[in-house]
Amino acid sequence: MDVREAACSCRQLRLTAEGDPVRISICHCLACQRRTGSAFGFQARFPTERVHVAGRHSDYVRTSDNGSEEWTFHFCPGCGATVYYTGASAPGLIAVPIGAFADPSFPPPKVSVYESRRHSWVSVSGPVEHHD
């Protein structure tokens, strides 16, 4: 079974995720754009029992920009990088921003959400589910 390691920028907050993710997605919502400082968020979800976290974290709870979902972001209190997050709409799963893995060979997304907020220059191709 593959084991992937993710960490914050200072490597104080780390996690290991065992096996393949159950979902790899990109999110174009405005809240993800603000959180990442980029045009979209890119994340993988793993079953909670296959994720092991080490280090201190602080939490930030935010509601999606359409008001339908609440997510808790767990970030390093030292460097501020988000390493994982959880949400009531995805019970039993932990989402990890792909950048925290620092692995350019990570598999591509299979789902793209909030596409009505997608930047016009962003193109999502391949076998991807598209959701507004």
N, C-alpha and C. Protein backbone atom coordinates (compact mmCIF):
# COMPACT_ATOMS: atom_id res chain seq x y z
N MET A 1 0.85 -1.18 0.00
CA MET A 1 0.00 0.00 0.00
C MET A 1 0.89 1.24 0.00
N ASP A 2 0.60 2.17 -0.91
CA ASP A 2 1.36 3.41 -0.97
C ASP A 2 1.09 4.26 0.27
N VAL A 3 2.13 4.95 0.72
CA VAL A 3 1.99 5.91 1.81
C VAL A 3 2.49 7.25 1.29
N ARG A 4 1.65 8.25 1.39
CA ARG A 4 2.02 9.60 0.96
C ARG A 4 2.22 10.46 2.19
N GLU A 5 3.19 11.36 2.13
CA GLU A 5 3.47 12.26 3.24
C GLU A 5 3.19 13.69 2.83
N ALA A 6 2.49 14.41 3.69
CA ALA A 6 2.18 15.82 3.47
C ALA A 6 2.71 16.61 4.67
N ALA A 7 3.02 17.87 4.45
CA ALA A 7 3.55 18.69 5.55
C ALA A 7 3.30 20.16 5.25
N CYS A 8 3.34 20.95 6.31
CA CYS A 8 3.28 22.40 6.16
C CYS A 8 4.65 22.89 5.67
N SER A 9 4.78 24.18 5.47
CA SER A 9 6.03 24.74 4.94
C SER A 9 7.21 24.53 5.88
N CYS A 10 6.97 24.61 7.19
CA CYS A 10 8.08 24.44 8.14
C CYS A 10 8.23 22.99 8.60
N ARG A 11 7.36 22.11 8.14
CA ARG A 11 7.35 20.67 8.41
C ARG A 11 7.02 20.31 9.86
N GLN A 12 6.54 21.25 10.63
CA GLN A 12 6.13 20.97 12.01
C GLN A 12 4.85 20.15 12.04
N LEU A 13 3.89 20.47 11.17
CA LEU A 13 2.63 19.74 11.07
C LEU A 13 2.72 18.82 9.87
N ARG A 14 2.56 17.52 10.12
CA ARG A 14 2.73 16.53 9.06
C ARG A 14 1.59 15.52 9.12
N LEU A 15 1.40 14.85 8.00
CA LEU A 15 0.47 13.72 8.01
C LEU A 15 0.93 12.69 7.00
N THR A 16 0.51 11.47 7.25
CA THR A 16 0.71 10.40 6.28
C THR A 16 -0.67 9.89 5.89
N ALA A 17 -0.82 9.60 4.62
CA ALA A 17 -2.07 9.06 4.08
C ALA A 17 -1.75 7.75 3.39
N GLU A 18 -2.42 6.70 3.82
CA GLU A 18 -2.17 5.36 3.28
C GLU A 18 -3.15 5.03 2.16
N GLY A 19 -2.63 4.45 1.08
CA GLY A 19 -3.47 4.02 -0.03
C GLY A 19 -3.84 5.15 -0.96
N ASP A 20 -4.67 4.81 -1.92
CA ASP A 20 -5.11 5.79 -2.91
C ASP A 20 -6.21 6.67 -2.34
N PRO A 21 -6.25 7.93 -2.77
CA PRO A 21 -7.36 8.79 -2.35
C PRO A 21 -8.68 8.29 -2.92
N VAL A 22 -9.77 8.58 -2.22
CA VAL A 22 -11.09 8.19 -2.71
C VAL A 22 -11.64 9.25 -3.67
N ARG A 23 -11.05 10.44 -3.66
CA ARG A 23 -11.47 11.52 -4.56
C ARG A 23 -10.32 12.50 -4.70
N ILE A 24 -10.08 12.91 -5.93
CA ILE A 24 -9.12 13.99 -6.21
C ILE A 24 -9.91 15.03 -6.98
N SER A 25 -9.92 16.25 -6.47
CA SER A 25 -10.78 17.27 -7.09
C SER A 25 -10.13 18.64 -7.08
N ILE A 26 -10.69 19.50 -7.92
CA ILE A 26 -10.34 20.91 -7.88
C ILE A 26 -11.62 21.68 -7.61
N CYS A 27 -11.47 22.78 -6.87
CA CYS A 27 -12.61 23.60 -6.49
C CYS A 27 -12.33 25.04 -6.90
N HIS A 28 -13.27 25.62 -7.65
CA HIS A 28 -13.11 26.98 -8.16
C HIS A 28 -13.86 28.00 -7.31
N CYS A 29 -14.40 27.60 -6.16
CA CYS A 29 -15.19 28.54 -5.36
C CYS A 29 -14.32 29.71 -4.91
N LEU A 30 -14.96 30.82 -4.62
CA LEU A 30 -14.22 32.02 -4.22
C LEU A 30 -13.50 31.83 -2.91
N ALA A 31 -14.09 31.04 -1.99
CA ALA A 31 -13.43 30.78 -0.71
C ALA A 31 -12.13 30.00 -0.91
N CYS A 32 -12.11 29.02 -1.81
CA CYS A 32 -10.87 28.28 -2.09
C CYS A 32 -9.85 29.18 -2.78
N GLN A 33 -10.32 30.07 -3.64
CA GLN A 33 -9.39 31.01 -4.27
C GLN A 33 -8.72 31.88 -3.21
N ARG A 34 -9.49 32.36 -2.25
CA ARG A 34 -8.91 33.19 -1.18
C ARG A 34 -7.98 32.36 -0.30
N ARG A 35 -8.40 31.15 0.05
CA ARG A 35 -7.60 30.30 0.94
C ARG A 35 -6.26 29.95 0.34
N THR A 36 -6.24 29.63 -0.95
CA THR A 36 -5.01 29.19 -1.58
C THR A 36 -4.19 30.33 -2.16
N GLY A 37 -4.82 31.47 -2.40
CA GLY A 37 -4.13 32.55 -3.09
C GLY A 37 -3.91 32.22 -4.55
N SER A 38 -4.70 31.31 -5.08
CA SER A 38 -4.57 30.84 -6.45
C SER A 38 -5.94 30.86 -7.12
N ALA A 39 -6.01 30.33 -8.34
CA ALA A 39 -7.26 30.34 -9.08
C ALA A 39 -8.21 29.24 -8.65
N PHE A 40 -7.71 28.23 -7.93
CA PHE A 40 -8.55 27.13 -7.46
C PHE A 40 -7.83 26.35 -6.38
N GLY A 41 -8.59 25.55 -5.64
CA GLY A 41 -8.02 24.60 -4.69
C GLY A 41 -7.90 23.25 -5.36
N PHE A 42 -6.90 22.47 -4.97
CA PHE A 42 -6.65 21.15 -5.54
C PHE A 42 -6.42 20.22 -4.36
N GLN A 43 -7.28 19.22 -4.17
CA GLN A 43 -7.22 18.41 -2.96
C GLN A 43 -7.54 16.95 -3.23
N ALA A 44 -7.09 16.12 -2.29
CA ALA A 44 -7.39 14.68 -2.32
C ALA A 44 -8.06 14.32 -1.00
N ARG A 45 -9.04 13.44 -1.06
CA ARG A 45 -9.73 12.98 0.14
C ARG A 45 -9.35 11.53 0.42
N PHE A 46 -9.13 11.27 1.72
CA PHE A 46 -8.76 9.94 2.20
C PHE A 46 -9.67 9.56 3.35
N PRO A 47 -9.98 8.27 3.53
CA PRO A 47 -10.72 7.85 4.73
C PRO A 47 -9.94 8.21 5.99
N THR A 48 -10.63 8.71 6.98
CA THR A 48 -10.01 9.17 8.22
C THR A 48 -9.09 8.12 8.84
N GLU A 49 -9.51 6.85 8.80
CA GLU A 49 -8.71 5.81 9.46
C GLU A 49 -7.38 5.54 8.74
N ARG A 50 -7.21 6.08 7.53
CA ARG A 50 -5.95 5.88 6.81
C ARG A 50 -5.05 7.11 6.84
N VAL A 51 -5.41 8.08 7.69
CA VAL A 51 -4.62 9.31 7.81
C VAL A 51 -4.11 9.43 9.24
N HIS A 52 -2.83 9.75 9.38
CA HIS A 52 -2.20 9.92 10.69
C HIS A 52 -1.54 11.29 10.74
N VAL A 53 -1.92 12.08 11.74
CA VAL A 53 -1.45 13.46 11.86
C VAL A 53 -0.47 13.57 13.02
N ALA A 54 0.60 14.35 12.82
CA ALA A 54 1.57 14.63 13.88
C ALA A 54 1.88 16.12 13.87
N GLY A 55 1.97 16.70 15.05
CA GLY A 55 2.30 18.12 15.17
C GLY A 55 1.12 18.93 15.67
N ARG A 56 1.42 20.18 15.98
CA ARG A 56 0.39 21.10 16.49
C ARG A 56 -0.35 21.74 15.31
N HIS A 57 -1.63 22.05 15.54
CA HIS A 57 -2.39 22.77 14.53
C HIS A 57 -3.38 23.71 15.17
N SER A 58 -3.75 24.72 14.44
CA SER A 58 -4.84 25.62 14.79
C SER A 58 -5.94 25.36 13.79
N ASP A 59 -7.15 25.78 14.14
CA ASP A 59 -8.30 25.52 13.27
C ASP A 59 -8.96 26.82 12.84
N TYR A 60 -9.51 26.78 11.65
CA TYR A 60 -10.31 27.87 11.13
C TYR A 60 -11.54 27.26 10.47
N VAL A 61 -12.73 27.69 10.89
CA VAL A 61 -13.98 27.18 10.32
C VAL A 61 -14.53 28.23 9.37
N ARG A 62 -14.88 27.80 8.17
CA ARG A 62 -15.48 28.72 7.22
C ARG A 62 -16.64 28.04 6.51
N THR A 63 -17.55 28.87 6.03
CA THR A 63 -18.70 28.40 5.27
C THR A 63 -18.41 28.61 3.80
N SER A 64 -18.82 27.67 2.97
CA SER A 64 -18.60 27.80 1.53
C SER A 64 -19.24 29.09 1.03
N ASP A 65 -18.76 29.57 -0.09
CA ASP A 65 -19.24 30.87 -0.55
C ASP A 65 -20.72 30.88 -0.97
N ASN A 66 -21.33 29.70 -1.12
CA ASN A 66 -22.77 29.67 -1.38
C ASN A 66 -23.56 29.40 -0.10
N GLY A 67 -22.86 29.28 1.04
CA GLY A 67 -23.51 29.12 2.33
C GLY A 67 -24.01 27.73 2.65
N SER A 68 -23.68 26.73 1.82
CA SER A 68 -24.26 25.41 2.01
C SER A 68 -23.41 24.44 2.83
N GLU A 69 -22.11 24.71 2.97
CA GLU A 69 -21.23 23.76 3.65
C GLU A 69 -20.29 24.49 4.61
N GLU A 70 -19.97 23.80 5.70
CA GLU A 70 -19.01 24.32 6.66
C GLU A 70 -17.80 23.40 6.69
N TRP A 71 -16.61 23.96 6.61
CA TRP A 71 -15.36 23.20 6.60
C TRP A 71 -14.45 23.70 7.71
N THR A 72 -13.72 22.78 8.33
CA THR A 72 -12.73 23.14 9.36
C THR A 72 -11.35 22.89 8.77
N PHE A 73 -10.58 23.96 8.67
CA PHE A 73 -9.22 23.90 8.12
C PHE A 73 -8.23 23.82 9.27
N HIS A 74 -7.31 22.87 9.17
CA HIS A 74 -6.30 22.63 10.20
C HIS A 74 -4.96 23.09 9.62
N PHE A 75 -4.39 24.10 10.26
CA PHE A 75 -3.18 24.70 9.71
C PHE A 75 -2.11 24.83 10.79
N CYS A 76 -0.87 24.97 10.34
CA CYS A 76 0.26 25.10 11.26
C CYS A 76 0.23 26.48 11.92
N PRO A 77 0.31 26.54 13.26
CA PRO A 77 0.31 27.83 13.93
C PRO A 77 1.61 28.61 13.71
N GLY A 78 2.65 27.93 13.23
CA GLY A 78 3.92 28.60 12.98
C GLY A 78 4.00 29.24 11.60
N CYS A 79 3.83 28.44 10.55
CA CYS A 79 3.98 28.96 9.18
C CYS A 79 2.65 29.29 8.52
N GLY A 80 1.54 28.81 9.07
CA GLY A 80 0.21 29.14 8.55
C GLY A 80 -0.30 28.27 7.42
N ALA A 81 0.47 27.29 6.98
CA ALA A 81 0.03 26.46 5.85
C ALA A 81 -1.05 25.47 6.28
N THR A 82 -2.10 25.37 5.47
CA THR A 82 -3.15 24.38 5.70
C THR A 82 -2.64 23.01 5.27
N VAL A 83 -2.78 22.01 6.14
CA VAL A 83 -2.31 20.66 5.82
C VAL A 83 -3.47 19.71 5.60
N TYR A 84 -4.61 19.97 6.23
CA TYR A 84 -5.78 19.13 5.99
C TYR A 84 -7.03 19.85 6.43
N TYR A 85 -8.18 19.35 5.98
CA TYR A 85 -9.45 19.91 6.42
C TYR A 85 -10.55 18.87 6.38
N THR A 86 -11.60 19.15 7.12
CA THR A 86 -12.73 18.23 7.27
C THR A 86 -14.03 19.01 7.12
N GLY A 87 -15.08 18.29 6.73
CA GLY A 87 -16.37 18.94 6.58
C GLY A 87 -17.51 18.00 6.85
N ALA A 88 -18.62 18.55 7.32
CA ALA A 88 -19.80 17.75 7.63
C ALA A 88 -20.37 17.07 6.39
N SER A 89 -20.14 17.66 5.21
CA SER A 89 -20.67 17.06 4.00
C SER A 89 -19.82 15.88 3.50
N ALA A 90 -18.68 15.66 4.16
CA ALA A 90 -17.80 14.55 3.79
C ALA A 90 -17.39 13.79 5.06
N PRO A 91 -18.37 13.21 5.78
CA PRO A 91 -18.04 12.52 7.04
C PRO A 91 -17.12 11.33 6.79
N GLY A 92 -16.18 11.14 7.71
CA GLY A 92 -15.26 10.00 7.60
C GLY A 92 -14.13 10.22 6.63
N LEU A 93 -14.02 11.45 6.09
CA LEU A 93 -12.96 11.75 5.14
C LEU A 93 -12.13 12.95 5.59
N ILE A 94 -10.88 12.94 5.22
CA ILE A 94 -9.97 14.06 5.45
C ILE A 94 -9.47 14.52 4.09
N ALA A 95 -9.59 15.81 3.83
CA ALA A 95 -9.10 16.39 2.58
C ALA A 95 -7.72 16.98 2.82
N VAL A 96 -6.83 16.76 1.87
CA VAL A 96 -5.46 17.25 1.97
C VAL A 96 -5.16 18.05 0.70
N PRO A 97 -4.73 19.33 0.85
CA PRO A 97 -4.34 20.08 -0.34
C PRO A 97 -3.16 19.36 -1.02
N ILE A 98 -3.25 19.18 -2.33
CA ILE A 98 -2.23 18.45 -3.07
C ILE A 98 -0.85 19.07 -2.89
N GLY A 99 -0.78 20.38 -2.82
CA GLY A 99 0.51 21.04 -2.64
C GLY A 99 1.23 20.63 -1.37
N ALA A 100 0.49 20.21 -0.34
CA ALA A 100 1.12 19.77 0.92
C ALA A 100 1.92 18.48 0.72
N PHE A 101 1.62 17.74 -0.34
CA PHE A 101 2.38 16.52 -0.63
C PHE A 101 3.70 16.84 -1.34
N ALA A 102 3.78 18.01 -1.97
CA ALA A 102 4.99 18.41 -2.73
C ALA A 102 5.42 17.27 -3.65
N ASP A 103 4.47 16.77 -4.43
CA ASP A 103 4.72 15.63 -5.31
C ASP A 103 4.15 15.93 -6.70
N PRO A 104 4.99 16.39 -7.64
CA PRO A 104 4.51 16.71 -8.98
C PRO A 104 3.92 15.52 -9.74
N SER A 105 4.16 14.30 -9.26
CA SER A 105 3.61 13.13 -9.95
C SER A 105 2.24 12.72 -9.40
N PHE A 106 1.67 13.52 -8.48
CA PHE A 106 0.36 13.19 -7.92
C PHE A 106 -0.65 13.07 -9.05
N PRO A 107 -1.57 12.11 -8.97
CA PRO A 107 -2.55 11.93 -10.05
C PRO A 107 -3.42 13.17 -10.27
N PRO A 108 -3.94 13.33 -11.47
CA PRO A 108 -4.77 14.51 -11.79
C PRO A 108 -6.15 14.42 -11.16
N PRO A 109 -6.87 15.55 -11.14
CA PRO A 109 -8.23 15.55 -10.58
C PRO A 109 -9.19 14.76 -11.45
N LYS A 110 -10.22 14.22 -10.78
CA LYS A 110 -11.30 13.51 -11.48
C LYS A 110 -12.62 14.27 -11.37
N VAL A 111 -12.64 15.31 -10.51
CA VAL A 111 -13.85 16.09 -10.27
C VAL A 111 -13.47 17.57 -10.24
N SER A 112 -14.31 18.42 -10.85
CA SER A 112 -14.12 19.87 -10.84
C SER A 112 -15.44 20.49 -10.40
N VAL A 113 -15.41 21.26 -9.29
CA VAL A 113 -16.65 21.83 -8.74
C VAL A 113 -16.61 23.36 -8.73
N TYR A 114 -17.79 23.96 -8.57
CA TYR A 114 -17.99 25.42 -8.59
C TYR A 114 -17.45 26.02 -9.89
N GLU A 115 -17.71 25.35 -10.99
CA GLU A 115 -17.16 25.80 -12.27
C GLU A 115 -17.72 27.15 -12.72
N SER A 116 -18.84 27.57 -12.16
CA SER A 116 -19.37 28.90 -12.52
C SER A 116 -18.44 30.01 -12.03
N ARG A 117 -17.53 29.68 -11.11
CA ARG A 117 -16.57 30.65 -10.58
C ARG A 117 -15.16 30.44 -11.16
N ARG A 118 -15.06 29.52 -12.10
CA ARG A 118 -13.76 29.20 -12.72
C ARG A 118 -13.26 30.40 -13.52
N HIS A 119 -11.96 30.70 -13.39
CA HIS A 119 -11.33 31.75 -14.19
C HIS A 119 -11.40 31.32 -15.66
N SER A 120 -11.67 32.25 -16.54
CA SER A 120 -11.88 31.92 -17.95
C SER A 120 -10.65 31.31 -18.61
N TRP A 121 -9.48 31.59 -18.09
CA TRP A 121 -8.26 31.05 -18.70
C TRP A 121 -7.90 29.66 -18.19
N VAL A 122 -8.63 29.16 -17.17
CA VAL A 122 -8.38 27.82 -16.64
C VAL A 122 -9.14 26.80 -17.48
N SER A 123 -8.43 25.81 -17.97
CA SER A 123 -9.03 24.75 -18.77
C SER A 123 -8.90 23.43 -18.02
N VAL A 124 -10.01 22.74 -17.86
CA VAL A 124 -10.02 21.45 -17.17
C VAL A 124 -10.36 20.40 -18.22
N SER A 125 -9.38 19.57 -18.55
CA SER A 125 -9.59 18.60 -19.61
C SER A 125 -9.40 17.17 -19.10
N GLY A 126 -9.68 16.25 -19.96
CA GLY A 126 -9.53 14.84 -19.61
C GLY A 126 -10.82 14.28 -19.04
N PRO A 127 -10.76 13.06 -18.52
CA PRO A 127 -11.96 12.41 -17.97
C PRO A 127 -12.29 12.96 -16.57
N VAL A 128 -12.92 14.14 -16.54
CA VAL A 128 -13.23 14.84 -15.30
C VAL A 128 -14.73 15.09 -15.22
N GLU A 129 -15.31 14.85 -14.03
CA GLU A 129 -16.70 15.22 -13.79
C GLU A 129 -16.74 16.74 -13.59
N HIS A 130 -17.67 17.42 -14.25
CA HIS A 130 -17.80 18.88 -14.13
C HIS A 130 -19.10 19.21 -13.42
N HIS A 131 -18.99 20.03 -12.36
CA HIS A 131 -20.16 20.42 -11.56
C HIS A 131 -20.14 21.93 -11.37
N ASP A 132 -21.31 22.53 -11.49
CA ASP A 132 -21.44 23.97 -11.28
C ASP A 132 -21.61 24.19 -9.80
